[in-house]
Amino acid sequence: MFHHSGDQQLLETQRSGSQLWRRTWTPENSDMTDRETEYADSESDDGAHSSDSEYVDSEYGDVRGEAQLRGLPTGKQAPAGPTTFVLRQKVWVSVKGVWYIGQVRQIVIDRSSMSVRLCPMYEVHFRYRKSHANMKTVADPLKGNIKPDTPQFRAYLVSERCPVGSNWDI
């Protein structure tokens, strides 16, 4: 039994009680042709195209370098910090993309059988600059939304022009 749908021809066959659909390819029904492409011979031993990386580098350049020249954020990752913190330690916490300085007030350890965590989460209290309200959030070090208050991280905030929502001098 043949079904015609646009330029595709489908063949239905019956084998051992189950239906199989096959696509029959013919050159006159296809918009693609069998021909050698420019990439067919350029494949290296590891399967990667050597010309691809050269093209991308020469055509587009390094985006981070251009951003630094224009004074824009470069999109660098925040410096890695520890994943464990102590009570009353000063930390930076990211809430909706804005960094606030605060203090660790509670260590949250989920002891449910459904949760298998590699490290605890931390309840951080901070002051919201616009309304001067005391706020709190639970931060997860594995997601990168809590960092220790170090000179390296402050330099990162300045160099990347990250939005900072609280005063630095707590």
N, C-alpha and C. Protein backbone atom coordinates (compact mmCIF):
# COMPACT_ATOMS: atom_id res chain seq x y z
N MET A 1 0.85 -1.17 0.00
CA MET A 1 0.00 0.00 0.00
C MET A 1 0.90 1.24 0.00
N PHE A 2 0.67 2.17 -0.91
CA PHE A 2 1.47 3.37 -1.03
C PHE A 2 0.68 4.58 -0.55
N HIS A 3 1.38 5.49 0.14
CA HIS A 3 0.78 6.76 0.56
C HIS A 3 1.64 7.88 -0.02
N HIS A 4 1.01 8.85 -0.65
CA HIS A 4 1.75 9.98 -1.20
C HIS A 4 1.51 11.19 -0.31
N SER A 5 2.59 11.77 0.18
CA SER A 5 2.48 12.96 1.02
C SER A 5 3.55 13.94 0.57
N GLY A 6 3.16 14.92 -0.23
CA GLY A 6 4.13 15.89 -0.72
C GLY A 6 5.12 15.19 -1.62
N ASP A 7 6.42 15.33 -1.30
CA ASP A 7 7.45 14.69 -2.11
C ASP A 7 7.99 13.43 -1.44
N GLN A 8 7.32 12.96 -0.41
CA GLN A 8 7.77 11.75 0.27
C GLN A 8 6.91 10.57 -0.16
N GLN A 9 7.55 9.46 -0.28
CA GLN A 9 6.83 8.25 -0.61
C GLN A 9 7.05 7.27 0.53
N LEU A 10 5.98 6.83 1.17
CA LEU A 10 6.09 5.93 2.30
C LEU A 10 5.59 4.56 1.90
N LEU A 11 6.29 3.57 2.34
CA LEU A 11 5.93 2.20 2.03
C LEU A 11 5.56 1.51 3.32
N GLU A 12 4.39 0.95 3.35
CA GLU A 12 3.92 0.24 4.53
C GLU A 12 4.10 -1.25 4.30
N THR A 13 4.77 -1.90 5.22
CA THR A 13 4.93 -3.34 5.12
C THR A 13 4.40 -3.99 6.37
N GLN A 14 3.98 -5.20 6.23
CA GLN A 14 3.42 -5.94 7.36
C GLN A 14 4.35 -7.11 7.64
N ARG A 15 4.95 -7.13 8.87
CA ARG A 15 5.82 -8.24 9.25
C ARG A 15 5.44 -8.70 10.64
N SER A 16 5.19 -9.93 10.77
CA SER A 16 4.89 -10.60 12.04
C SER A 16 3.90 -9.81 12.89
N GLY A 17 2.89 -9.29 12.28
CA GLY A 17 1.83 -8.62 13.01
C GLY A 17 2.12 -7.17 13.39
N SER A 18 3.31 -6.62 13.12
CA SER A 18 3.60 -5.23 13.47
C SER A 18 3.77 -4.41 12.20
N GLN A 19 3.46 -3.14 12.29
CA GLN A 19 3.57 -2.25 11.14
C GLN A 19 4.95 -1.61 11.12
N LEU A 20 5.57 -1.59 9.97
CA LEU A 20 6.83 -0.87 9.78
C LEU A 20 6.61 0.16 8.68
N TRP A 21 7.13 1.36 8.88
CA TRP A 21 7.05 2.40 7.87
C TRP A 21 8.45 2.60 7.32
N ARG A 22 8.55 2.68 6.03
CA ARG A 22 9.84 2.91 5.40
C ARG A 22 9.73 4.11 4.48
N ARG A 23 10.78 4.87 4.43
CA ARG A 23 10.85 6.01 3.52
C ARG A 23 11.66 5.59 2.31
N THR A 24 11.12 5.77 1.15
CA THR A 24 11.82 5.42 -0.07
C THR A 24 12.37 6.70 -0.69
N TRP A 25 13.67 6.73 -0.88
CA TRP A 25 14.32 7.93 -1.40
C TRP A 25 14.58 7.76 -2.88
N THR A 26 14.23 8.76 -3.65
CA THR A 26 14.56 8.79 -5.07
C THR A 26 15.14 10.16 -5.39
N PRO A 27 16.10 10.23 -6.30
CA PRO A 27 16.76 11.52 -6.58
C PRO A 27 15.82 12.59 -7.09
N GLU A 28 14.80 12.21 -7.87
CA GLU A 28 13.91 13.24 -8.39
C GLU A 28 12.98 13.81 -7.33
N ASN A 29 12.78 13.10 -6.23
CA ASN A 29 11.92 13.60 -5.15
C ASN A 29 12.70 14.36 -4.08
N SER A 30 13.99 14.40 -4.20
CA SER A 30 14.81 14.99 -3.15
C SER A 30 15.41 16.32 -3.60
N ASP A 31 15.57 17.22 -2.66
CA ASP A 31 16.24 18.48 -2.97
C ASP A 31 17.72 18.40 -2.68
N MET A 32 18.17 17.27 -2.14
CA MET A 32 19.59 17.09 -1.85
C MET A 32 20.17 16.15 -2.90
N THR A 33 21.43 16.35 -3.24
CA THR A 33 22.09 15.47 -4.20
C THR A 33 23.29 14.83 -3.54
N ASP A 34 23.69 13.70 -4.06
CA ASP A 34 24.88 13.03 -3.54
C ASP A 34 26.10 13.65 -4.21
N ARG A 35 26.84 14.39 -3.47
CA ARG A 35 28.05 15.00 -4.01
C ARG A 35 29.04 15.19 -2.88
N GLU A 36 30.26 15.36 -3.23
CA GLU A 36 31.30 15.59 -2.22
C GLU A 36 31.19 17.02 -1.71
N THR A 37 31.31 17.18 -0.42
CA THR A 37 31.31 18.52 0.16
C THR A 37 32.73 18.93 0.44
N GLU A 38 32.91 20.20 0.73
CA GLU A 38 34.26 20.68 1.02
C GLU A 38 34.79 20.14 2.34
N TYR A 39 33.91 19.63 3.19
CA TYR A 39 34.34 19.12 4.49
C TYR A 39 34.61 17.62 4.47
N ALA A 40 34.30 16.95 3.40
CA ALA A 40 34.44 15.50 3.36
C ALA A 40 35.88 15.06 3.55
N ASP A 41 36.82 15.77 2.96
CA ASP A 41 38.22 15.37 3.03
C ASP A 41 38.97 16.01 4.19
N SER A 42 38.39 16.95 4.89
CA SER A 42 39.13 17.67 5.92
C SER A 42 38.95 17.08 7.31
N GLU A 43 38.37 15.89 7.40
CA GLU A 43 38.13 15.31 8.72
C GLU A 43 39.43 14.76 9.27
N SER A 44 39.73 15.08 10.52
CA SER A 44 40.95 14.60 11.15
C SER A 44 40.70 13.25 11.79
N ASP A 45 41.73 12.68 12.42
CA ASP A 45 41.61 11.36 13.03
C ASP A 45 40.61 11.32 14.15
N ASP A 46 40.47 12.40 14.92
CA ASP A 46 39.54 12.39 16.05
C ASP A 46 38.12 12.72 15.63
N GLY A 47 37.87 12.93 14.36
CA GLY A 47 36.52 13.16 13.89
C GLY A 47 36.14 14.63 13.82
N ALA A 48 36.97 15.52 14.28
CA ALA A 48 36.65 16.95 14.27
C ALA A 48 37.13 17.56 12.96
N HIS A 49 36.47 18.59 12.54
CA HIS A 49 36.88 19.30 11.33
C HIS A 49 37.92 20.33 11.71
N SER A 50 39.09 20.24 11.07
CA SER A 50 40.15 21.18 11.40
C SER A 50 39.84 22.57 10.87
N SER A 51 39.12 22.66 9.76
CA SER A 51 38.83 23.97 9.19
C SER A 51 37.77 24.73 9.98
N ASP A 52 36.93 24.02 10.75
CA ASP A 52 35.88 24.70 11.51
C ASP A 52 36.44 25.67 12.53
N SER A 53 37.42 25.24 13.32
CA SER A 53 37.94 26.11 14.36
C SER A 53 38.69 27.29 13.77
N GLU A 54 39.40 27.08 12.65
CA GLU A 54 40.10 28.19 12.02
C GLU A 54 39.10 29.23 11.50
N TYR A 55 38.01 28.77 10.94
CA TYR A 55 37.01 29.68 10.40
C TYR A 55 36.38 30.51 11.50
N VAL A 56 36.00 29.87 12.58
CA VAL A 56 35.35 30.58 13.68
C VAL A 56 36.30 31.60 14.28
N ASP A 57 37.56 31.21 14.51
CA ASP A 57 38.51 32.13 15.11
C ASP A 57 38.79 33.33 14.21
N SER A 58 38.99 33.07 12.91
CA SER A 58 39.35 34.18 12.03
C SER A 58 38.14 35.05 11.70
N GLU A 59 36.97 34.45 11.61
CA GLU A 59 35.78 35.20 11.21
C GLU A 59 35.22 36.05 12.35
N TYR A 60 35.11 35.47 13.54
CA TYR A 60 34.42 36.15 14.62
C TYR A 60 35.34 36.72 15.68
N GLY A 61 36.54 36.25 15.77
CA GLY A 61 37.46 36.75 16.78
C GLY A 61 37.06 36.32 18.18
N ASP A 62 37.74 36.89 19.16
CA ASP A 62 37.45 36.57 20.56
C ASP A 62 36.48 37.61 21.09
N VAL A 63 35.27 37.19 21.40
CA VAL A 63 34.23 38.11 21.86
C VAL A 63 34.61 38.76 23.18
N ARG A 64 35.25 37.99 24.07
CA ARG A 64 35.62 38.55 25.37
C ARG A 64 36.65 39.67 25.21
N GLY A 65 37.59 39.52 24.27
CA GLY A 65 38.58 40.56 24.05
C GLY A 65 37.95 41.85 23.55
N GLU A 66 36.98 41.73 22.65
CA GLU A 66 36.28 42.92 22.15
C GLU A 66 35.48 43.58 23.26
N ALA A 67 34.88 42.80 24.14
CA ALA A 67 34.10 43.36 25.24
C ALA A 67 35.00 44.13 26.20
N GLN A 68 36.21 43.61 26.44
CA GLN A 68 37.13 44.32 27.33
C GLN A 68 37.54 45.65 26.72
N LEU A 69 37.76 45.69 25.41
CA LEU A 69 38.15 46.94 24.76
C LEU A 69 37.05 47.98 24.87
N ARG A 70 35.80 47.56 24.80
CA ARG A 70 34.68 48.50 24.87
C ARG A 70 34.29 48.83 26.31
N GLY A 71 34.88 48.15 27.29
CA GLY A 71 34.52 48.40 28.69
C GLY A 71 33.24 47.71 29.11
N LEU A 72 32.84 46.68 28.37
CA LEU A 72 31.63 45.93 28.69
C LEU A 72 31.98 44.73 29.55
N PRO A 73 31.01 44.16 30.25
CA PRO A 73 31.28 42.94 31.00
C PRO A 73 31.72 41.83 30.05
N THR A 74 32.72 41.05 30.47
CA THR A 74 33.27 40.01 29.60
C THR A 74 32.59 38.67 29.77
N GLY A 75 31.76 38.51 30.77
CA GLY A 75 31.07 37.24 30.96
C GLY A 75 31.94 36.19 31.61
N LYS A 76 33.02 36.62 32.25
CA LYS A 76 33.87 35.66 32.95
C LYS A 76 33.10 35.05 34.11
N GLN A 77 33.49 33.85 34.46
CA GLN A 77 32.90 33.20 35.62
C GLN A 77 33.44 33.85 36.88
N ALA A 78 32.62 33.87 37.92
CA ALA A 78 33.05 34.39 39.21
C ALA A 78 34.15 33.49 39.75
N PRO A 79 35.12 34.06 40.48
CA PRO A 79 36.18 33.22 41.02
C PRO A 79 35.60 32.14 41.93
N ALA A 80 36.17 30.97 41.81
CA ALA A 80 35.68 29.85 42.62
C ALA A 80 35.99 30.10 44.08
N GLY A 81 35.06 29.76 44.91
CA GLY A 81 35.24 29.93 46.34
C GLY A 81 34.93 28.63 47.05
N PRO A 82 35.04 28.64 48.34
CA PRO A 82 34.73 27.41 49.08
C PRO A 82 33.24 27.11 49.03
N THR A 83 32.91 25.86 49.29
CA THR A 83 31.51 25.47 49.32
C THR A 83 31.01 25.33 50.75
N THR A 84 31.86 25.60 51.72
CA THR A 84 31.43 25.56 53.12
C THR A 84 31.68 26.92 53.75
N PHE A 85 30.74 27.34 54.58
CA PHE A 85 30.82 28.62 55.26
C PHE A 85 30.49 28.40 56.73
N VAL A 86 30.86 29.36 57.58
CA VAL A 86 30.58 29.26 59.01
C VAL A 86 29.56 30.33 59.39
N LEU A 87 28.95 30.16 60.54
CA LEU A 87 27.97 31.14 61.02
C LEU A 87 28.62 32.50 61.19
N ARG A 88 27.88 33.54 60.87
CA ARG A 88 28.28 34.94 60.96
C ARG A 88 29.41 35.34 60.00
N GLN A 89 29.70 34.49 59.03
CA GLN A 89 30.71 34.82 58.02
C GLN A 89 30.11 35.79 57.01
N LYS A 90 30.88 36.82 56.62
CA LYS A 90 30.43 37.75 55.58
C LYS A 90 30.53 37.06 54.23
N VAL A 91 29.44 37.14 53.49
CA VAL A 91 29.38 36.51 52.17
C VAL A 91 28.65 37.44 51.20
N TRP A 92 28.84 37.19 49.91
CA TRP A 92 28.08 37.83 48.86
C TRP A 92 27.06 36.82 48.37
N VAL A 93 25.82 37.25 48.21
CA VAL A 93 24.76 36.37 47.75
C VAL A 93 24.06 37.03 46.56
N SER A 94 23.76 36.22 45.55
CA SER A 94 23.09 36.72 44.35
C SER A 94 21.61 36.40 44.42
N VAL A 95 20.79 37.46 44.34
CA VAL A 95 19.34 37.31 44.34
C VAL A 95 18.82 37.99 43.07
N LYS A 96 18.25 37.21 42.16
CA LYS A 96 17.73 37.70 40.89
C LYS A 96 18.78 38.50 40.11
N GLY A 97 20.02 38.01 40.12
CA GLY A 97 21.09 38.62 39.34
C GLY A 97 21.77 39.81 39.98
N VAL A 98 21.37 40.20 41.18
CA VAL A 98 21.98 41.33 41.89
C VAL A 98 22.72 40.77 43.10
N TRP A 99 23.96 41.24 43.32
CA TRP A 99 24.77 40.76 44.43
C TRP A 99 24.58 41.64 45.66
N TYR A 100 24.37 41.00 46.79
CA TYR A 100 24.21 41.68 48.08
C TYR A 100 25.23 41.10 49.05
N ILE A 101 25.74 41.94 49.95
CA ILE A 101 26.63 41.45 50.99
C ILE A 101 25.79 41.18 52.23
N GLY A 102 26.07 40.08 52.89
CA GLY A 102 25.29 39.71 54.06
C GLY A 102 26.07 38.78 54.96
N GLN A 103 25.36 38.15 55.89
CA GLN A 103 25.97 37.23 56.84
C GLN A 103 25.24 35.91 56.83
N VAL A 104 26.01 34.83 57.00
CA VAL A 104 25.41 33.51 57.15
C VAL A 104 24.80 33.44 58.54
N ARG A 105 23.50 33.19 58.62
CA ARG A 105 22.81 33.13 59.90
C ARG A 105 22.39 31.72 60.28
N GLN A 106 22.27 30.84 59.28
CA GLN A 106 21.85 29.48 59.58
C GLN A 106 22.39 28.55 58.51
N ILE A 107 22.80 27.35 58.93
CA ILE A 107 23.23 26.32 58.00
C ILE A 107 22.06 25.35 57.84
N VAL A 108 21.59 25.21 56.62
CA VAL A 108 20.41 24.41 56.34
C VAL A 108 20.85 23.05 55.79
N ILE A 109 20.58 22.00 56.57
CA ILE A 109 20.91 20.65 56.14
C ILE A 109 19.59 19.89 56.00
N ASP A 110 19.32 19.44 54.80
CA ASP A 110 18.08 18.71 54.53
C ASP A 110 18.32 17.24 54.85
N ARG A 111 17.61 16.73 55.81
CA ARG A 111 17.83 15.36 56.25
C ARG A 111 16.77 14.40 55.71
N SER A 112 15.99 14.83 54.74
CA SER A 112 14.97 13.93 54.20
C SER A 112 15.64 12.83 53.37
N SER A 113 14.98 11.71 53.29
CA SER A 113 15.55 10.58 52.56
C SER A 113 15.54 10.81 51.05
N MET A 114 14.72 11.74 50.59
CA MET A 114 14.63 12.01 49.15
C MET A 114 15.75 12.92 48.66
N SER A 115 16.39 13.63 49.57
CA SER A 115 17.39 14.60 49.17
C SER A 115 18.80 14.07 49.45
N VAL A 116 19.61 14.05 48.43
CA VAL A 116 21.00 13.66 48.59
C VAL A 116 21.82 14.86 48.16
N ARG A 117 22.33 15.62 49.10
CA ARG A 117 23.06 16.85 48.81
C ARG A 117 24.53 16.65 49.08
N LEU A 118 25.35 17.28 48.26
CA LEU A 118 26.79 17.21 48.46
C LEU A 118 27.27 18.21 49.49
N CYS A 119 26.54 19.29 49.68
CA CYS A 119 26.92 20.28 50.68
C CYS A 119 25.66 20.96 51.20
N PRO A 120 25.74 21.56 52.38
CA PRO A 120 24.55 22.22 52.92
C PRO A 120 24.26 23.53 52.20
N MET A 121 23.05 24.04 52.41
CA MET A 121 22.68 25.36 51.93
C MET A 121 22.74 26.31 53.11
N TYR A 122 22.74 27.62 52.82
CA TYR A 122 22.96 28.61 53.87
C TYR A 122 21.88 29.68 53.81
N GLU A 123 21.34 30.01 54.98
CA GLU A 123 20.41 31.13 55.09
C GLU A 123 21.25 32.38 55.33
N VAL A 124 21.11 33.35 54.44
CA VAL A 124 21.90 34.57 54.49
C VAL A 124 20.96 35.75 54.70
N HIS A 125 21.30 36.60 55.67
CA HIS A 125 20.54 37.82 55.93
C HIS A 125 21.32 38.99 55.32
N PHE A 126 20.60 39.88 54.64
CA PHE A 126 21.23 41.04 54.01
C PHE A 126 20.23 42.18 54.03
N ARG A 127 20.72 43.39 53.72
CA ARG A 127 19.87 44.58 53.71
C ARG A 127 19.63 44.98 52.26
N TYR A 128 18.35 45.13 51.93
CA TYR A 128 17.95 45.58 50.61
C TYR A 128 18.11 47.09 50.56
N ARG A 129 18.92 47.57 49.63
CA ARG A 129 19.34 48.97 49.62
C ARG A 129 18.19 49.95 49.36
N LYS A 130 17.28 49.62 48.46
CA LYS A 130 16.25 50.59 48.06
C LYS A 130 15.26 50.87 49.17
N SER A 131 14.82 49.82 49.86
CA SER A 131 13.81 50.04 50.91
C SER A 131 14.40 49.92 52.31
N HIS A 132 15.68 49.66 52.40
CA HIS A 132 16.38 49.48 53.68
C HIS A 132 15.74 48.38 54.52
N ALA A 133 15.17 47.39 53.87
CA ALA A 133 14.53 46.28 54.58
C ALA A 133 15.55 45.18 54.82
N ASN A 134 15.43 44.51 55.95
CA ASN A 134 16.25 43.33 56.21
C ASN A 134 15.64 42.16 55.47
N MET A 135 16.44 41.49 54.67
CA MET A 135 15.95 40.39 53.84
C MET A 135 16.75 39.14 54.17
N LYS A 136 16.22 38.00 53.77
CA LYS A 136 16.97 36.76 53.91
C LYS A 136 16.67 35.87 52.71
N THR A 137 17.64 35.02 52.39
CA THR A 137 17.50 34.07 51.30
C THR A 137 18.27 32.82 51.66
N VAL A 138 17.92 31.73 51.03
CA VAL A 138 18.67 30.48 51.19
C VAL A 138 19.51 30.31 49.93
N ALA A 139 20.83 30.23 50.12
CA ALA A 139 21.76 30.18 48.99
C ALA A 139 22.39 28.80 48.88
N ASP A 140 22.62 28.40 47.66
CA ASP A 140 23.22 27.10 47.37
C ASP A 140 24.60 27.31 46.75
N PRO A 141 25.68 26.89 47.42
CA PRO A 141 27.02 27.09 46.87
C PRO A 141 27.24 26.36 45.55
N LEU A 142 26.55 25.27 45.33
CA LEU A 142 26.73 24.51 44.09
C LEU A 142 26.15 25.23 42.89
N LYS A 143 25.23 26.14 43.10
CA LYS A 143 24.67 26.94 42.00
C LYS A 143 25.45 28.23 41.79
N GLY A 144 26.40 28.53 42.68
CA GLY A 144 27.24 29.70 42.51
C GLY A 144 26.60 30.99 42.96
N ASN A 145 25.53 30.95 43.75
CA ASN A 145 24.89 32.19 44.17
C ASN A 145 25.29 32.63 45.57
N ILE A 146 26.37 32.08 46.12
CA ILE A 146 26.95 32.55 47.37
C ILE A 146 28.46 32.47 47.24
N LYS A 147 29.13 33.57 47.59
CA LYS A 147 30.59 33.65 47.49
C LYS A 147 31.12 34.31 48.75
N PRO A 148 32.32 33.96 49.19
CA PRO A 148 32.89 34.61 50.37
C PRO A 148 33.28 36.05 50.06
N ASP A 149 33.28 36.89 51.08
CA ASP A 149 33.68 38.29 50.91
C ASP A 149 35.20 38.36 50.92
N THR A 150 35.79 38.35 49.75
CA THR A 150 37.24 38.41 49.60
C THR A 150 37.60 39.56 48.66
N PRO A 151 38.84 40.04 48.73
CA PRO A 151 39.27 41.08 47.79
C PRO A 151 39.18 40.62 46.33
N GLN A 152 39.42 39.34 46.08
CA GLN A 152 39.34 38.83 44.71
C GLN A 152 37.91 38.91 44.18
N PHE A 153 36.94 38.58 45.03
CA PHE A 153 35.56 38.62 44.55
C PHE A 153 35.08 40.06 44.39
N ARG A 154 35.51 40.96 45.27
CA ARG A 154 35.16 42.37 45.09
C ARG A 154 35.75 42.92 43.80
N ALA A 155 36.99 42.52 43.48
CA ALA A 155 37.60 42.95 42.23
C ALA A 155 36.83 42.40 41.03
N TYR A 156 36.35 41.18 41.15
CA TYR A 156 35.53 40.59 40.08
C TYR A 156 34.26 41.41 39.88
N LEU A 157 33.59 41.80 40.97
CA LEU A 157 32.35 42.58 40.86
C LEU A 157 32.60 43.90 40.15
N VAL A 158 33.74 44.53 40.46
CA VAL A 158 34.07 45.82 39.84
C VAL A 158 34.42 45.61 38.36
N SER A 159 35.27 44.62 38.07
CA SER A 159 35.72 44.43 36.69
C SER A 159 34.59 43.98 35.77
N GLU A 160 33.66 43.22 36.28
CA GLU A 160 32.55 42.74 35.46
C GLU A 160 31.34 43.67 35.49
N ARG A 161 31.43 44.72 36.27
CA ARG A 161 30.32 45.68 36.43
C ARG A 161 29.02 44.97 36.81
N CYS A 162 29.14 44.06 37.75
CA CYS A 162 27.98 43.31 38.23
C CYS A 162 27.08 44.23 39.03
N PRO A 163 25.77 44.09 38.92
CA PRO A 163 24.87 44.91 39.72
C PRO A 163 25.00 44.55 41.20
N VAL A 164 25.28 45.57 42.01
CA VAL A 164 25.44 45.39 43.45
C VAL A 164 24.32 46.14 44.13
N GLY A 165 23.58 45.45 45.00
CA GLY A 165 22.40 46.06 45.61
C GLY A 165 22.57 46.48 47.04
N SER A 166 23.78 46.38 47.60
CA SER A 166 23.96 46.79 48.99
C SER A 166 25.31 47.48 49.15
N ASN A 167 25.45 48.23 50.24
CA ASN A 167 26.72 48.90 50.52
C ASN A 167 27.78 47.88 50.88
N TRP A 168 29.03 48.18 50.55
CA TRP A 168 30.11 47.25 50.82
C TRP A 168 30.54 47.28 52.28
N ASP A 169 30.32 48.38 52.95
CA ASP A 169 30.80 48.49 54.33
C ASP A 169 29.69 48.09 55.30
N ILE A 170 29.70 46.85 55.69
CA ILE A 170 28.71 46.37 56.66
C ILE A 170 29.33 46.40 58.03
